[in-house]
Amino acid sequence: MAAFVALIALGARVENDFRAEHPEPWPISYKRLIDWRVAAAIVIYVTINSTIYYVYFIPGLCDGYIVYPAATMVLANLIYGSGIVIGLRGWPLPAAVFVALSIIVRSYIFGHASMRHVQETNLSAGISETLAIVAGILSGSAVLVLAPPKAFCRRLTYMLVGVAVMVGLSENFCL
């Protein structure tokens, strides 16, 4: 999924630079990565993912998750979404909030997708989790460096509508 988001960012950059009648004035800049907000977003992202991965080993949190699973997931998604909004420094707030909500919805949809042809992994769960966290940080960095906000939000909207149509047309759709 991280590579998918990075490709959306790259597509938004290409669209903005080559196809738009009135391109956004949003140059590619690595300086956006060097900021306390980006560092805070990375810490939030790593913390929330590690907490979810090790939920059964944290006293109290495990009991809370078992007793109140919906509330725990809402809290985790609020923390995840705020990390995205914090990390998208310099973006207009509505665009950052839209991206956060879109990523949360996309994570939910892809996390609950049908897995009919799943095979055993070749990696341990710990290595897989570490690779997922690193890929998430790299894709977030690609969004910050490459993607103009309006073009990225437009492409993200197209992706969400496309996924919603595919899920709606799926014969195996169930909640």
C-alpha atoms as a PDB file:
ATOM      1  CA  MET A   1       0.000   0.000   0.000  1.00  0.00           C
ATOM      2  CA  ALA A   2       2.893   2.346   0.691  1.00  0.00           C
ATOM      3  CA  ALA A   3       4.181   1.969  -2.867  1.00  0.00           C
ATOM      4  CA  PHE A   4       0.652   2.692  -4.084  1.00  0.00           C
ATOM      5  CA  VAL A   5       0.562   6.011  -2.171  1.00  0.00           C
ATOM      6  CA  ALA A   6       4.036   6.936  -3.432  1.00  0.00           C
ATOM      7  CA  LEU A   7       2.910   6.253  -7.013  1.00  0.00           C
ATOM      8  CA  ILE A   8      -0.163   8.441  -6.480  1.00  0.00           C
ATOM      9  CA  ALA A   9       2.196  11.216  -5.308  1.00  0.00           C
ATOM     10  CA  LEU A  10       4.392  10.742  -8.377  1.00  0.00           C
ATOM     11  CA  GLY A  11       1.323  10.782 -10.636  1.00  0.00           C
ATOM     12  CA  ALA A  12       0.133  13.998  -8.988  1.00  0.00           C
ATOM     13  CA  ARG A  13       3.547  15.551  -9.663  1.00  0.00           C
ATOM     14  CA  VAL A  14       3.521  14.481 -13.321  1.00  0.00           C
ATOM     15  CA  GLU A  15      -0.057  15.691 -13.765  1.00  0.00           C
ATOM     16  CA  ASN A  16       0.770  19.036 -12.151  1.00  0.00           C
ATOM     17  CA  ASP A  17       3.938  19.607 -14.184  1.00  0.00           C
ATOM     18  CA  PHE A  18       2.876  18.347 -17.603  1.00  0.00           C
ATOM     19  CA  ARG A  19      -0.907  18.162 -17.935  1.00  0.00           C
ATOM     20  CA  ALA A  20      -2.443  20.920 -15.810  1.00  0.00           C
ATOM     21  CA  GLU A  21      -3.567  24.157 -17.447  1.00  0.00           C
ATOM     22  CA  HIS A  22      -2.782  26.079 -14.265  1.00  0.00           C
ATOM     23  CA  PRO A  23      -0.218  24.063 -12.292  1.00  0.00           C
ATOM     24  CA  GLU A  24       0.092  24.513  -8.553  1.00  0.00           C
ATOM     25  CA  PRO A  25       3.180  26.428  -7.492  1.00  0.00           C
ATOM     26  CA  TRP A  26       4.518  23.527  -5.409  1.00  0.00           C
ATOM     27  CA  PRO A  27       8.168  22.810  -6.254  1.00  0.00           C
ATOM     28  CA  ILE A  28       9.895  19.569  -5.335  1.00  0.00           C
ATOM     29  CA  SER A  29      11.658  20.261  -2.043  1.00  0.00           C
ATOM     30  CA  TYR A  30      13.538  17.984   0.318  1.00  0.00           C
ATOM     31  CA  LYS A  31      13.508  20.765   2.917  1.00  0.00           C
ATOM     32  CA  ARG A  32       9.943  19.783   3.808  1.00  0.00           C
ATOM     33  CA  LEU A  33      11.308  16.582   5.360  1.00  0.00           C
ATOM     34  CA  ILE A  34      13.544  18.402   7.831  1.00  0.00           C
ATOM     35  CA  ASP A  35      11.066  19.678  10.392  1.00  0.00           C
ATOM     36  CA  TRP A  36       9.966  18.841  13.915  1.00  0.00           C
ATOM     37  CA  ARG A  37       6.423  18.143  12.656  1.00  0.00           C
ATOM     38  CA  VAL A  38       7.672  15.454  10.289  1.00  0.00           C
ATOM     39  CA  ALA A  39       9.758  13.934  13.085  1.00  0.00           C
ATOM     40  CA  ALA A  40       6.706  13.985  15.381  1.00  0.00           C
ATOM     41  CA  ALA A  41       4.589  12.326  12.683  1.00  0.00           C
ATOM     42  CA  ILE A  42       7.196   9.576  12.239  1.00  0.00           C
ATOM     43  CA  VAL A  43       7.312   8.980  16.005  1.00  0.00           C
ATOM     44  CA  ILE A  44       3.494   8.813  16.131  1.00  0.00           C
ATOM     45  CA  TYR A  45       3.401   6.422  13.156  1.00  0.00           C
ATOM     46  CA  VAL A  46       6.036   4.082  14.570  1.00  0.00           C
ATOM     47  CA  THR A  47       4.472   4.183  18.043  1.00  0.00           C
ATOM     48  CA  ILE A  48       0.934   3.447  16.882  1.00  0.00           C
ATOM     49  CA  ASN A  49       2.063   0.613  14.606  1.00  0.00           C
ATOM     50  CA  SER A  50       4.286  -0.921  17.287  1.00  0.00           C
ATOM     51  CA  THR A  51       1.502  -0.618  19.861  1.00  0.00           C
ATOM     52  CA  ILE A  52      -0.998  -2.328  17.571  1.00  0.00           C
ATOM     53  CA  TYR A  53       1.506  -5.061  16.713  1.00  0.00           C
ATOM     54  CA  TYR A  54       2.382  -5.719  20.370  1.00  0.00           C
ATOM     55  CA  VAL A  55      -1.092  -5.016  21.848  1.00  0.00           C
ATOM     56  CA  TYR A  56      -1.273  -8.392  23.572  1.00  0.00           C
ATOM     57  CA  PHE A  57       2.009  -7.819  25.398  1.00  0.00           C
ATOM     58  CA  ILE A  58       1.099  -4.433  26.915  1.00  0.00           C
ATOM     59  CA  PRO A  59      -0.713  -4.823  30.252  1.00  0.00           C
ATOM     60  CA  GLY A  60      -3.981  -2.897  30.398  1.00  0.00           C
ATOM     61  CA  LEU A  61      -4.050  -2.117  26.699  1.00  0.00           C
ATOM     62  CA  CYS A  62      -4.747  -5.736  25.848  1.00  0.00           C
ATOM     63  CA  ASP A  63      -7.656  -5.812  28.312  1.00  0.00           C
ATOM     64  CA  GLY A  64      -8.986  -2.537  26.921  1.00  0.00           C
ATOM     65  CA  TYR A  65      -8.796  -3.884  23.384  1.00  0.00           C
ATOM     66  CA  ILE A  66     -10.624  -7.088  24.346  1.00  0.00           C
ATOM     67  CA  VAL A  67     -13.369  -5.253  26.274  1.00  0.00           C
ATOM     68  CA  TYR A  68     -13.704  -2.201  23.969  1.00  0.00           C
ATOM     69  CA  PRO A  69     -12.360  -3.178  20.531  1.00  0.00           C
ATOM     70  CA  ALA A  70     -14.314  -0.523  18.605  1.00  0.00           C
ATOM     71  CA  ALA A  71     -13.278   2.295  20.936  1.00  0.00           C
ATOM     72  CA  THR A  72      -9.661   1.162  20.796  1.00  0.00           C
ATOM     73  CA  MET A  73      -9.689   1.139  16.990  1.00  0.00           C
ATOM     74  CA  VAL A  74     -11.334   4.590  16.852  1.00  0.00           C
ATOM     75  CA  LEU A  75      -8.647   5.928  19.194  1.00  0.00           C
ATOM     76  CA  ALA A  76      -5.880   4.296  17.159  1.00  0.00           C
ATOM     77  CA  ASN A  77      -7.285   5.775  13.933  1.00  0.00           C
ATOM     78  CA  LEU A  78      -7.576   9.235  15.529  1.00  0.00           C
ATOM     79  CA  ILE A  79      -3.928   9.059  16.577  1.00  0.00           C
ATOM     80  CA  TYR A  80      -2.926   7.761  13.127  1.00  0.00           C
ATOM     81  CA  GLY A  81      -4.915  10.502  11.362  1.00  0.00           C
ATOM     82  CA  SER A  82      -3.479  13.233  13.566  1.00  0.00           C
ATOM     83  CA  GLY A  83       0.003  11.962  12.797  1.00  0.00           C
ATOM     84  CA  ILE A  84      -0.730  12.345   9.076  1.00  0.00           C
ATOM     85  CA  VAL A  85      -2.129  15.865   9.544  1.00  0.00           C
ATOM     86  CA  ILE A  86       0.859  16.860  11.672  1.00  0.00           C
ATOM     87  CA  GLY A  87       3.279  15.427   9.116  1.00  0.00           C
ATOM     88  CA  LEU A  88       1.732  17.232   6.150  1.00  0.00           C
ATOM     89  CA  ARG A  89       3.139  20.535   7.236  1.00  0.00           C
ATOM     90  CA  GLY A  90       2.660  23.383   4.826  1.00  0.00           C
ATOM     91  CA  TRP A  91      -0.423  21.806   3.268  1.00  0.00           C
ATOM     92  CA  PRO A  92      -3.798  23.521   3.658  1.00  0.00           C
ATOM     93  CA  LEU A  93      -5.554  22.014   6.691  1.00  0.00           C
ATOM     94  CA  PRO A  94      -8.615  20.746   4.746  1.00  0.00           C
ATOM     95  CA  ALA A  95      -6.327  18.937   2.296  1.00  0.00           C
ATOM     96  CA  ALA A  96      -4.293  17.374   5.130  1.00  0.00           C
ATOM     97  CA  VAL A  97      -7.467  16.232   6.925  1.00  0.00           C
ATOM     98  CA  PHE A  98      -8.850  14.810   3.655  1.00  0.00           C
ATOM     99  CA  VAL A  99      -5.629  12.868   3.068  1.00  0.00           C
ATOM    100  CA  ALA A 100      -5.710  11.503   6.634  1.00  0.00           C
ATOM    101  CA  LEU A 101      -9.332  10.373   6.317  1.00  0.00           C
ATOM    102  CA  SER A 102      -8.676   8.870   2.880  1.00  0.00           C
ATOM    103  CA  ILE A 103      -5.658   6.899   4.083  1.00  0.00           C
ATOM    104  CA  ILE A 104      -7.631   5.588   7.076  1.00  0.00           C
ATOM    105  CA  VAL A 105     -10.541   4.516   4.820  1.00  0.00           C
ATOM    106  CA  ARG A 106      -8.114   2.949   2.337  1.00  0.00           C
ATOM    107  CA  SER A 107      -6.366   1.067   5.142  1.00  0.00           C
ATOM    108  CA  TYR A 108      -9.701  -0.234   6.383  1.00  0.00           C
ATOM    109  CA  ILE A 109     -10.802  -1.352   2.900  1.00  0.00           C
ATOM    110  CA  PHE A 110      -7.498  -3.030   2.034  1.00  0.00           C
ATOM    111  CA  GLY A 111      -7.223  -4.525   5.521  1.00  0.00           C
ATOM    112  CA  HIS A 112     -10.572  -6.260   5.132  1.00  0.00           C
ATOM    113  CA  ALA A 113     -10.184  -7.342   1.514  1.00  0.00           C
ATOM    114  CA  SER A 114     -10.841 -10.924   0.564  1.00  0.00           C
ATOM    115  CA  MET A 115      -7.700 -13.044   0.725  1.00  0.00           C
ATOM    116  CA  ARG A 116      -8.608 -16.163  -1.176  1.00  0.00           C
ATOM    117  CA  HIS A 117      -5.150 -16.946  -2.495  1.00  0.00           C
ATOM    118  CA  VAL A 118      -2.974 -16.072   0.482  1.00  0.00           C
ATOM    119  CA  GLN A 119       0.206 -18.082   0.781  1.00  0.00           C
ATOM    120  CA  GLU A 120       2.544 -18.509   3.707  1.00  0.00           C
ATOM    121  CA  THR A 121       4.997 -15.660   4.012  1.00  0.00           C
ATOM    122  CA  ASN A 122       8.721 -16.081   3.593  1.00  0.00           C
ATOM    123  CA  LEU A 123       9.434 -13.470   6.255  1.00  0.00           C
ATOM    124  CA  SER A 124       8.892 -13.456   9.978  1.00  0.00           C
ATOM    125  CA  ALA A 125       6.121 -11.282  11.365  1.00  0.00           C
ATOM    126  CA  GLY A 126       8.633  -8.902  12.978  1.00  0.00           C
ATOM    127  CA  ILE A 127      10.552  -8.341   9.754  1.00  0.00           C
ATOM    128  CA  SER A 128       7.313  -7.889   7.848  1.00  0.00           C
ATOM    129  CA  GLU A 129       6.098  -5.285  10.363  1.00  0.00           C
ATOM    130  CA  THR A 130       9.434  -3.443  10.213  1.00  0.00           C
ATOM    131  CA  LEU A 131       9.364  -3.377   6.411  1.00  0.00           C
ATOM    132  CA  ALA A 132       5.782  -2.075   6.462  1.00  0.00           C
ATOM    133  CA  ILE A 133       6.724   0.747   8.851  1.00  0.00           C
ATOM    134  CA  VAL A 134       9.762   1.731   6.770  1.00  0.00           C
ATOM    135  CA  ALA A 135       7.705   1.628   3.566  1.00  0.00           C
ATOM    136  CA  GLY A 136       5.027   3.800   5.192  1.00  0.00           C
ATOM    137  CA  ILE A 137       7.610   6.386   6.236  1.00  0.00           C
ATOM    138  CA  LEU A 138       9.150   6.402   2.751  1.00  0.00           C
ATOM    139  CA  SER A 139       5.764   6.812   1.051  1.00  0.00           C
ATOM    140  CA  GLY A 140       4.876   9.670   3.411  1.00  0.00           C
ATOM    141  CA  SER A 141       8.200  11.269   2.537  1.00  0.00           C
ATOM    142  CA  ALA A 142       7.424  10.889  -1.168  1.00  0.00           C
ATOM    143  CA  VAL A 143       4.101  12.644  -0.649  1.00  0.00           C
ATOM    144  CA  LEU A 144       5.787  15.512   1.204  1.00  0.00           C
ATOM    145  CA  VAL A 145       8.565  15.957  -1.345  1.00  0.00           C
ATOM    146  CA  LEU A 146       6.700  15.325  -4.609  1.00  0.00           C
ATOM    147  CA  ALA A 147       2.968  15.830  -4.378  1.00  0.00           C
ATOM    148  CA  PRO A 148       1.214  19.148  -4.876  1.00  0.00           C
ATOM    149  CA  PRO A 149      -1.734  19.167  -2.410  1.00  0.00           C
ATOM    150  CA  LYS A 150      -4.648  19.743  -4.815  1.00  0.00           C
ATOM    151  CA  ALA A 151      -3.430  17.289  -7.454  1.00  0.00           C
ATOM    152  CA  PHE A 152      -2.712  14.637  -4.802  1.00  0.00           C
ATOM    153  CA  CYS A 153      -6.168  15.053  -3.207  1.00  0.00           C
ATOM    154  CA  ARG A 154      -7.800  14.819  -6.637  1.00  0.00           C
ATOM    155  CA  ARG A 155      -5.944  11.586  -7.452  1.00  0.00           C
ATOM    156  CA  LEU A 156      -6.719  10.188  -4.005  1.00  0.00           C
ATOM    157  CA  THR A 157     -10.409  10.920  -4.606  1.00  0.00           C
ATOM    158  CA  TYR A 158     -10.291   9.066  -7.925  1.00  0.00           C
ATOM    159  CA  MET A 159      -8.658   6.104  -6.206  1.00  0.00           C
ATOM    160  CA  LEU A 160     -11.267   6.006  -3.415  1.00  0.00           C
ATOM    161  CA  VAL A 161     -14.165   6.245  -5.872  1.00  0.00           C
ATOM    162  CA  GLY A 162     -12.595   3.486  -7.987  1.00  0.00           C
ATOM    163  CA  VAL A 163     -12.146   1.229  -4.962  1.00  0.00           C
ATOM    164  CA  ALA A 164     -15.712   1.930  -3.820  1.00  0.00           C
ATOM    165  CA  VAL A 165     -17.046   0.996  -7.265  1.00  0.00           C
ATOM    166  CA  MET A 166     -14.978  -2.203  -7.337  1.00  0.00           C
ATOM    167  CA  VAL A 167     -16.149  -3.172  -3.849  1.00  0.00           C
ATOM    168  CA  GLY A 168     -19.736  -2.374  -4.825  1.00  0.00           C
ATOM    169  CA  LEU A 169     -19.481  -4.572  -7.915  1.00  0.00           C
ATOM    170  CA  SER A 170     -17.770  -7.413  -6.091  1.00  0.00           C
ATOM    171  CA  GLU A 171     -19.804 -10.587  -5.685  1.00  0.00           C
ATOM    172  CA  ASN A 172     -18.011 -11.452  -2.451  1.00  0.00           C
ATOM    173  CA  PHE A 173     -18.636  -8.155  -0.680  1.00  0.00           C
ATOM    174  CA  CYS A 174     -19.609  -8.527   2.955  1.00  0.00           C
ATOM    175  CA  LEU A 175     -19.077  -6.415   6.067  1.00  0.00           C
END
